[in-house]
Amino acid sequence: MADDKSNAAEYWKANVRTIIGCLVVWAFVSYGCAILFRPLLAGIPVGGTDLGFWFAQQGSILTFIGIIFFYAWKMNKLDEKFGLGE
């Protein structure tokens, strides 16, 4: 019983660590690149506009979609590691 609780605690600890990592990446791209660092990225042209505008309009959305796929992949690996796979 104690081993099950320890296993569950380790699973959720790894899950929360993954979620926090994904949120940090999302916040950096959404707020950092699109808002805070936009003046620094203004001189880099991408598709007819500057890189800061691109991150604000499309880059943050594409990054969010990438994070969704990464999270699904990482959780499948985590489930396999803890014997919770399908």
PDB file of N, CA and C in Angstrom:
ATOM      1  N   MET A   1       0.823  -1.190   0.000  1.00  0.00           N
ATOM      2  CA  MET A   1       0.000   0.000   0.000  1.00  0.00           C
ATOM      3  C   MET A   1       0.870   1.259   0.000  1.00  0.00           C
ATOM      4  N   ALA A   2       1.923   1.258   0.823  1.00  0.00           N
ATOM      5  CA  ALA A   2       2.806   2.419   0.886  1.00  0.00           C
ATOM      6  C   ALA A   2       3.541   2.600  -0.439  1.00  0.00           C
ATOM      7  N   ASP A   3       3.855   1.477  -1.106  1.00  0.00           N
ATOM      8  CA  ASP A   3       4.537   1.554  -2.395  1.00  0.00           C
ATOM      9  C   ASP A   3       3.622   2.178  -3.453  1.00  0.00           C
ATOM     10  N   ASP A   4       2.316   1.865  -3.388  1.00  0.00           N
ATOM     11  CA  ASP A   4       1.356   2.454  -4.324  1.00  0.00           C
ATOM     12  C   ASP A   4       1.247   3.958  -4.139  1.00  0.00           C
ATOM     13  N   LYS A   5       1.231   4.397  -2.884  1.00  0.00           N
ATOM     14  CA  LYS A   5       1.156   5.841  -2.602  1.00  0.00           C
ATOM     15  C   LYS A   5       2.423   6.544  -3.048  1.00  0.00           C
ATOM     16  N   SER A   6       3.558   5.912  -2.838  1.00  0.00           N
ATOM     17  CA  SER A   6       4.825   6.485  -3.276  1.00  0.00           C
ATOM     18  C   SER A   6       4.882   6.569  -4.795  1.00  0.00           C
ATOM     19  N   ASN A   7       4.414   5.514  -5.453  1.00  0.00           N
ATOM     20  CA  ASN A   7       4.380   5.480  -6.917  1.00  0.00           C
ATOM     21  C   ASN A   7       3.451   6.566  -7.452  1.00  0.00           C
ATOM     22  N   ALA A   8       2.284   6.731  -6.832  1.00  0.00           N
ATOM     23  CA  ALA A   8       1.332   7.759  -7.250  1.00  0.00           C
ATOM     24  C   ALA A   8       1.901   9.155  -7.024  1.00  0.00           C
ATOM     25  N   ALA A   9       2.596   9.337  -5.914  1.00  0.00           N
ATOM     26  CA  ALA A   9       3.191  10.646  -5.627  1.00  0.00           C
ATOM     27  C   ALA A   9       4.274  10.989  -6.655  1.00  0.00           C
ATOM     28  N   GLU A  10       5.092  10.019  -7.017  1.00  0.00           N
ATOM     29  CA  GLU A  10       6.125  10.245  -8.028  1.00  0.00           C
ATOM     30  C   GLU A  10       5.512  10.542  -9.395  1.00  0.00           C
ATOM     31  N   TYR A  11       4.418   9.836  -9.718  1.00  0.00           N
ATOM     32  CA  TYR A  11       3.724  10.057 -10.984  1.00  0.00           C
ATOM     33  C   TYR A  11       3.207  11.491 -11.066  1.00  0.00           C
ATOM     34  N   TRP A  12       2.523  11.948 -10.011  1.00  0.00           N
ATOM     35  CA  TRP A  12       1.967  13.296 -10.035  1.00  0.00           C
ATOM     36  C   TRP A  12       3.044  14.359  -9.965  1.00  0.00           C
ATOM     37  N   LYS A  13       4.132  14.056  -9.293  1.00  0.00           N
ATOM     38  CA  LYS A  13       5.252  14.991  -9.239  1.00  0.00           C
ATOM     39  C   LYS A  13       5.826  15.187 -10.644  1.00  0.00           C
ATOM     40  N   ALA A  14       5.997  14.093 -11.383  1.00  0.00           N
ATOM     41  CA  ALA A  14       6.488  14.181 -12.759  1.00  0.00           C
ATOM     42  C   ALA A  14       5.467  14.861 -13.656  1.00  0.00           C
ATOM     43  N   ASN A  15       4.187  14.608 -13.439  1.00  0.00           N
ATOM     44  CA  ASN A  15       3.129  15.234 -14.226  1.00  0.00           C
ATOM     45  C   ASN A  15       3.116  16.746 -14.008  1.00  0.00           C
ATOM     46  N   VAL A  16       3.170  17.178 -12.774  1.00  0.00           N
ATOM     47  CA  VAL A  16       3.168  18.607 -12.462  1.00  0.00           C
ATOM     48  C   VAL A  16       4.424  19.280 -13.008  1.00  0.00           C
ATOM     49  N   ARG A  17       5.555  18.609 -12.941  1.00  0.00           N
ATOM     50  CA  ARG A  17       6.796  19.150 -13.492  1.00  0.00           C
ATOM     51  C   ARG A  17       6.666  19.361 -15.000  1.00  0.00           C
ATOM     52  N   THR A  18       6.043  18.412 -15.686  1.00  0.00           N
ATOM     53  CA  THR A  18       5.815  18.536 -17.123  1.00  0.00           C
ATOM     54  C   THR A  18       4.871  19.703 -17.426  1.00  0.00           C
ATOM     55  N   ILE A  19       3.804  19.823 -16.659  1.00  0.00           N
ATOM     56  CA  ILE A  19       2.844  20.913 -16.859  1.00  0.00           C
ATOM     57  C   ILE A  19       3.514  22.267 -16.638  1.00  0.00           C
ATOM     58  N   ILE A  20       4.293  22.392 -15.585  1.00  0.00           N
ATOM     59  CA  ILE A  20       4.969  23.659 -15.307  1.00  0.00           C
ATOM     60  C   ILE A  20       5.955  23.999 -16.421  1.00  0.00           C
ATOM     61  N   GLY A  21       6.686  23.009 -16.915  1.00  0.00           N
ATOM     62  CA  GLY A  21       7.606  23.251 -18.026  1.00  0.00           C
ATOM     63  C   GLY A  21       6.880  23.733 -19.269  1.00  0.00           C
ATOM     64  N   CYS A  22       5.750  23.110 -19.570  1.00  0.00           N
ATOM     65  CA  CYS A  22       4.953  23.531 -20.736  1.00  0.00           C
ATOM     66  C   CYS A  22       4.417  24.944 -20.553  1.00  0.00           C
ATOM     67  N   LEU A  23       3.966  25.273 -19.356  1.00  0.00           N
ATOM     68  CA  LEU A  23       3.454  26.613 -19.093  1.00  0.00           C
ATOM     69  C   LEU A  23       4.547  27.676 -19.184  1.00  0.00           C
ATOM     70  N   VAL A  24       5.750  27.339 -18.759  1.00  0.00           N
ATOM     71  CA  VAL A  24       6.865  28.280 -18.859  1.00  0.00           C
ATOM     72  C   VAL A  24       7.191  28.562 -20.324  1.00  0.00           C
ATOM     73  N   VAL A  25       7.234  27.519 -21.141  1.00  0.00           N
ATOM     74  CA  VAL A  25       7.493  27.710 -22.576  1.00  0.00           C
ATOM     75  C   VAL A  25       6.382  28.549 -23.201  1.00  0.00           C
ATOM     76  N   TRP A  26       5.128  28.219 -22.886  1.00  0.00           N
ATOM     77  CA  TRP A  26       3.993  28.962 -23.431  1.00  0.00           C
ATOM     78  C   TRP A  26       4.049  30.432 -23.025  1.00  0.00           C
ATOM     79  N   ALA A  27       4.334  30.711 -21.748  1.00  0.00           N
ATOM     80  CA  ALA A  27       4.398  32.089 -21.268  1.00  0.00           C
ATOM     81  C   ALA A  27       5.553  32.845 -21.919  1.00  0.00           C
ATOM     82  N   PHE A  28       6.690  32.193 -22.081  1.00  0.00           N
ATOM     83  CA  PHE A  28       7.827  32.849 -22.720  1.00  0.00           C
ATOM     84  C   PHE A  28       7.501  33.241 -24.152  1.00  0.00           C
ATOM     85  N   VAL A  29       6.899  32.329 -24.896  1.00  0.00           N
ATOM     86  CA  VAL A  29       6.584  32.627 -26.298  1.00  0.00           C
ATOM     87  C   VAL A  29       5.447  33.642 -26.394  1.00  0.00           C
ATOM     88  N   SER A  30       4.381  33.442 -25.605  1.00  0.00           N
ATOM     89  CA  SER A  30       3.211  34.315 -25.701  1.00  0.00           C
ATOM     90  C   SER A  30       3.483  35.716 -25.177  1.00  0.00           C
ATOM     91  N   TYR A  31       4.045  35.804 -23.997  1.00  0.00           N
ATOM     92  CA  TYR A  31       4.267  37.104 -23.384  1.00  0.00           C
ATOM     93  C   TYR A  31       5.659  37.655 -23.672  1.00  0.00           C
ATOM     94  N   GLY A  32       6.652  36.787 -23.597  1.00  0.00           N
ATOM     95  CA  GLY A  32       8.024  37.253 -23.805  1.00  0.00           C
ATOM     96  C   GLY A  32       8.294  37.676 -25.232  1.00  0.00           C
ATOM     97  N   CYS A  33       8.159  36.743 -26.161  1.00  0.00           N
ATOM     98  CA  CYS A  33       8.490  37.035 -27.561  1.00  0.00           C
ATOM     99  C   CYS A  33       7.484  37.974 -28.209  1.00  0.00           C
ATOM    100  N   ALA A  34       6.208  37.837 -27.869  1.00  0.00           N
ATOM    101  CA  ALA A  34       5.174  38.625 -28.538  1.00  0.00           C
ATOM    102  C   ALA A  34       4.991  40.017 -27.944  1.00  0.00           C
ATOM    103  N   ILE A  35       5.288  40.190 -26.662  1.00  0.00           N
ATOM    104  CA  ILE A  35       5.025  41.479 -26.024  1.00  0.00           C
ATOM    105  C   ILE A  35       6.313  42.128 -25.511  1.00  0.00           C
ATOM    106  N   LEU A  36       7.014  41.450 -24.606  1.00  0.00           N
ATOM    107  CA  LEU A  36       8.167  42.068 -23.956  1.00  0.00           C
ATOM    108  C   LEU A  36       9.371  42.242 -24.879  1.00  0.00           C
ATOM    109  N   PHE A  37       9.649  41.223 -25.690  1.00  0.00           N
ATOM    110  CA  PHE A  37      10.824  41.284 -26.562  1.00  0.00           C
ATOM    111  C   PHE A  37      10.490  41.737 -27.978  1.00  0.00           C
ATOM    112  N   ARG A  38       9.257  42.216 -28.204  1.00  0.00           N
ATOM    113  CA  ARG A  38       8.852  42.618 -29.547  1.00  0.00           C
ATOM    114  C   ARG A  38       9.754  43.698 -30.125  1.00  0.00           C
ATOM    115  N   PRO A  39      10.139  44.725 -29.369  1.00  0.00           N
ATOM    116  CA  PRO A  39      11.040  45.731 -29.954  1.00  0.00           C
ATOM    117  C   PRO A  39      12.390  45.144 -30.396  1.00  0.00           C
ATOM    118  N   LEU A  40      12.878  44.156 -29.672  1.00  0.00           N
ATOM    119  CA  LEU A  40      14.142  43.530 -30.048  1.00  0.00           C
ATOM    120  C   LEU A  40      14.004  42.678 -31.299  1.00  0.00           C
ATOM    121  N   LEU A  41      12.821  42.104 -31.502  1.00  0.00           N
ATOM    122  CA  LEU A  41      12.573  41.228 -32.647  1.00  0.00           C
ATOM    123  C   LEU A  41      12.032  41.978 -33.860  1.00  0.00           C
ATOM    124  N   ALA A  42      11.825  43.296 -33.733  1.00  0.00           N
ATOM    125  CA  ALA A  42      11.192  44.074 -34.797  1.00  0.00           C
ATOM    126  C   ALA A  42      12.041  44.138 -36.065  1.00  0.00           C
ATOM    127  N   GLY A  43      13.336  44.034 -35.951  1.00  0.00           N
ATOM    128  CA  GLY A  43      14.201  44.156 -37.118  1.00  0.00           C
ATOM    129  C   GLY A  43      14.378  42.878 -37.918  1.00  0.00           C
ATOM    130  N   ILE A  44      13.833  41.786 -37.461  1.00  0.00           N
ATOM    131  CA  ILE A  44      14.003  40.499 -38.138  1.00  0.00           C
ATOM    132  C   ILE A  44      12.772  40.225 -39.008  1.00  0.00           C
ATOM    133  N   PRO A  45      12.929  40.281 -40.336  1.00  0.00           N
ATOM    134  CA  PRO A  45      11.755  40.072 -41.202  1.00  0.00           C
ATOM    135  C   PRO A  45      11.383  38.590 -41.342  1.00  0.00           C
ATOM    136  N   VAL A  46      10.073  38.328 -41.268  1.00  0.00           N
ATOM    137  CA  VAL A  46       9.541  36.971 -41.460  1.00  0.00           C
ATOM    138  C   VAL A  46       8.234  37.102 -42.236  1.00  0.00           C
ATOM    139  N   GLY A  47       8.198  36.573 -43.428  1.00  0.00           N
ATOM    140  CA  GLY A  47       6.967  36.550 -44.217  1.00  0.00           C
ATOM    141  C   GLY A  47       6.328  37.904 -44.449  1.00  0.00           C
ATOM    142  N   GLY A  48       7.108  38.940 -44.668  1.00  0.00           N
ATOM    143  CA  GLY A  48       6.556  40.257 -44.934  1.00  0.00           C
ATOM    144  C   GLY A  48       6.261  41.090 -43.704  1.00  0.00           C
ATOM    145  N   THR A  49       6.546  40.572 -42.533  1.00  0.00           N
ATOM    146  CA  THR A  49       6.339  41.324 -41.299  1.00  0.00           C
ATOM    147  C   THR A  49       7.528  41.062 -40.372  1.00  0.00           C
ATOM    148  N   ASP A  50       7.528  41.656 -39.208  1.00  0.00           N
ATOM    149  CA  ASP A  50       8.654  41.415 -38.301  1.00  0.00           C
ATOM    150  C   ASP A  50       8.375  40.217 -37.392  1.00  0.00           C
ATOM    151  N   LEU A  51       9.434  39.680 -36.810  1.00  0.00           N
ATOM    152  CA  LEU A  51       9.352  38.457 -36.018  1.00  0.00           C
ATOM    153  C   LEU A  51       8.484  38.629 -34.765  1.00  0.00           C
ATOM    154  N   GLY A  52       8.525  39.785 -34.125  1.00  0.00           N
ATOM    155  CA  GLY A  52       7.697  40.029 -32.939  1.00  0.00           C
ATOM    156  C   GLY A  52       6.216  39.962 -33.260  1.00  0.00           C
ATOM    157  N   PHE A  53       5.818  40.573 -34.363  1.00  0.00           N
ATOM    158  CA  PHE A  53       4.413  40.509 -34.788  1.00  0.00           C
ATOM    159  C   PHE A  53       4.032  39.084 -35.149  1.00  0.00           C
ATOM    160  N   TRP A  54       4.938  38.373 -35.808  1.00  0.00           N
ATOM    161  CA  TRP A  54       4.664  36.985 -36.182  1.00  0.00           C
ATOM    162  C   TRP A  54       4.413  36.126 -34.946  1.00  0.00           C
ATOM    163  N   PHE A  55       5.249  36.293 -33.910  1.00  0.00           N
ATOM    164  CA  PHE A  55       5.034  35.543 -32.669  1.00  0.00           C
ATOM    165  C   PHE A  55       3.697  35.897 -32.045  1.00  0.00           C
ATOM    166  N   ALA A  56       3.323  37.163 -32.075  1.00  0.00           N
ATOM    167  CA  ALA A  56       2.056  37.578 -31.477  1.00  0.00           C
ATOM    168  C   ALA A  56       0.873  37.001 -32.231  1.00  0.00           C
ATOM    169  N   GLN A  57       0.958  36.906 -33.542  1.00  0.00           N
ATOM    170  CA  GLN A  57      -0.187  36.472 -34.340  1.00  0.00           C
ATOM    171  C   GLN A  57      -0.221  34.969 -34.587  1.00  0.00           C
ATOM    172  N   GLN A  58       0.903  34.369 -34.914  1.00  0.00           N
ATOM    173  CA  GLN A  58       0.894  32.966 -35.307  1.00  0.00           C
ATOM    174  C   GLN A  58       1.847  32.096 -34.496  1.00  0.00           C
ATOM    175  N   GLY A  59       2.965  32.628 -34.112  1.00  0.00           N
ATOM    176  CA  GLY A  59       3.972  31.834 -33.419  1.00  0.00           C
ATOM    177  C   GLY A  59       3.499  31.279 -32.100  1.00  0.00           C
ATOM    178  N   SER A  60       2.764  32.081 -31.339  1.00  0.00           N
ATOM    179  CA  SER A  60       2.285  31.592 -30.047  1.00  0.00           C
ATOM    180  C   SER A  60       1.232  30.496 -30.228  1.00  0.00           C
ATOM    181  N   ILE A  61       0.408  30.614 -31.273  1.00  0.00           N
ATOM    182  CA  ILE A  61      -0.597  29.581 -31.541  1.00  0.00           C
ATOM    183  C   ILE A  61       0.081  28.284 -31.966  1.00  0.00           C
ATOM    184  N   LEU A  62       1.045  28.381 -32.878  1.00  0.00           N
ATOM    185  CA  LEU A  62       1.760  27.187 -33.330  1.00  0.00           C
ATOM    186  C   LEU A  62       2.546  26.552 -32.191  1.00  0.00           C
ATOM    187  N   THR A  63       3.129  27.379 -31.333  1.00  0.00           N
ATOM    188  CA  THR A  63       3.843  26.855 -30.178  1.00  0.00           C
ATOM    189  C   THR A  63       2.885  26.138 -29.236  1.00  0.00           C
ATOM    190  N   PHE A  64       1.696  26.702 -29.024  1.00  0.00           N
ATOM    191  CA  PHE A  64       0.702  26.063 -28.165  1.00  0.00           C
ATOM    192  C   PHE A  64       0.290  24.706 -28.732  1.00  0.00           C
ATOM    193  N   ILE A  65       0.081  24.619 -30.034  1.00  0.00           N
ATOM    194  CA  ILE A  65      -0.258  23.334 -30.656  1.00  0.00           C
ATOM    195  C   ILE A  65       0.892  22.342 -30.478  1.00  0.00           C
ATOM    196  N   GLY A  66       2.127  22.806 -30.638  1.00  0.00           N
ATOM    197  CA  GLY A  66       3.291  21.952 -30.415  1.00  0.00           C
ATOM    198  C   GLY A  66       3.364  21.458 -28.976  1.00  0.00           C
ATOM    199  N   ILE A  67       3.028  22.331 -28.033  1.00  0.00           N
ATOM    200  CA  ILE A  67       3.035  21.951 -26.619  1.00  0.00           C
ATOM    201  C   ILE A  67       1.984  20.870 -26.353  1.00  0.00           C
ATOM    202  N   ILE A  68       0.831  20.963 -26.996  1.00  0.00           N
ATOM    203  CA  ILE A  68      -0.213  19.944 -26.827  1.00  0.00           C
ATOM    204  C   ILE A  68       0.308  18.575 -27.259  1.00  0.00           C
ATOM    205  N   PHE A  69       0.941  18.520 -28.432  1.00  0.00           N
ATOM    206  CA  PHE A  69       1.475  17.242 -28.906  1.00  0.00           C
ATOM    207  C   PHE A  69       2.619  16.749 -28.016  1.00  0.00           C
ATOM    208  N   PHE A  70       3.473  17.659 -27.562  1.00  0.00           N
ATOM    209  CA  PHE A  70       4.555  17.276 -26.655  1.00  0.00           C
ATOM    210  C   PHE A  70       3.998  16.706 -25.353  1.00  0.00           C
ATOM    211  N   TYR A  71       2.973  17.375 -24.793  1.00  0.00           N
ATOM    212  CA  TYR A  71       2.394  16.920 -23.533  1.00  0.00           C
ATOM    213  C   TYR A  71       1.773  15.528 -23.686  1.00  0.00           C
ATOM    214  N   ALA A  72       1.074  15.299 -24.788  1.00  0.00           N
ATOM    215  CA  ALA A  72       0.480  13.976 -25.023  1.00  0.00           C
ATOM    216  C   ALA A  72       1.559  12.914 -25.135  1.00  0.00           C
ATOM    217  N   TRP A  73       2.632  13.204 -25.862  1.00  0.00           N
ATOM    218  CA  TRP A  73       3.741  12.260 -26.011  1.00  0.00           C
ATOM    219  C   TRP A  73       4.405  11.994 -24.663  1.00  0.00           C
ATOM    220  N   LYS A  74       4.674  13.065 -23.908  1.00  0.00           N
ATOM    221  CA  LYS A  74       5.343  12.935 -22.613  1.00  0.00           C
ATOM    222  C   LYS A  74       4.484  12.157 -21.620  1.00  0.00           C
ATOM    223  N   MET A  75       3.182  12.397 -21.624  1.00  0.00           N
ATOM    224  CA  MET A  75       2.301  11.673 -20.700  1.00  0.00           C
ATOM    225  C   MET A  75       2.198  10.196 -21.073  1.00  0.00           C
ATOM    226  N   ASN A  76       2.230   9.874 -22.357  1.00  0.00           N
ATOM    227  CA  ASN A  76       2.243   8.461 -22.748  1.00  0.00           C
ATOM    228  C   ASN A  76       3.505   7.779 -22.240  1.00  0.00           C
ATOM    229  N   LYS A  77       4.648   8.452 -22.357  1.00  0.00           N
ATOM    230  CA  LYS A  77       5.904   7.896 -21.830  1.00  0.00           C
ATOM    231  C   LYS A  77       5.831   7.750 -20.311  1.00  0.00           C
ATOM    232  N   LEU A  78       5.270   8.739 -19.654  1.00  0.00           N
ATOM    233  CA  LEU A  78       5.144   8.696 -18.204  1.00  0.00           C
ATOM    234  C   LEU A  78       4.198   7.579 -17.760  1.00  0.00           C
ATOM    235  N   ASP A  79       3.105   7.399 -18.490  1.00  0.00           N
ATOM    236  CA  ASP A  79       2.175   6.307 -18.184  1.00  0.00           C
ATOM    237  C   ASP A  79       2.846   4.952 -18.331  1.00  0.00           C
ATOM    238  N   GLU A  80       3.633   4.783 -19.379  1.00  0.00           N
ATOM    239  CA  GLU A  80       4.362   3.522 -19.583  1.00  0.00           C
ATOM    240  C   GLU A  80       5.364   3.273 -18.465  1.00  0.00           C
ATOM    241  N   LYS A  81       6.041   4.338 -18.054  1.00  0.00           N
ATOM    242  CA  LYS A  81       7.049   4.215 -16.994  1.00  0.00           C
ATOM    243  C   LYS A  81       6.432   3.744 -15.686  1.00  0.00           C
ATOM    244  N   PHE A  82       5.223   4.236 -15.376  1.00  0.00           N
ATOM    245  CA  PHE A  82       4.576   3.881 -14.122  1.00  0.00           C
ATOM    246  C   PHE A  82       3.558   2.756 -14.269  1.00  0.00           C
ATOM    247  N   GLY A  83       3.549   2.090 -15.424  1.00  0.00           N
ATOM    248  CA  GLY A  83       2.662   0.952 -15.616  1.00  0.00           C
ATOM    249  C   GLY A  83       1.201   1.313 -15.770  1.00  0.00           C
ATOM    250  N   LEU A  84       0.921   2.502 -16.288  1.00  0.00           N
ATOM    251  CA  LEU A  84      -0.457   2.944 -16.448  1.00  0.00           C
ATOM    252  C   LEU A  84      -0.847   3.046 -17.920  1.00  0.00           C
ATOM    253  N   GLY A  85      -0.033   2.479 -18.807  1.00  0.00           N
ATOM    254  CA  GLY A  85      -0.301   2.568 -20.239  1.00  0.00           C
ATOM    255  C   GLY A  85      -1.574   1.841 -20.631  1.00  0.00           C
ATOM    256  N   GLU A  86      -2.014   2.165 -21.829  1.00  0.00           N
ATOM    257  CA  GLU A  86      -3.273   1.566 -22.311  1.00  0.00           C
ATOM    258  C   GLU A  86      -3.085   0.119 -22.666  1.00  0.00           C
TER     259      GLU A  86
END
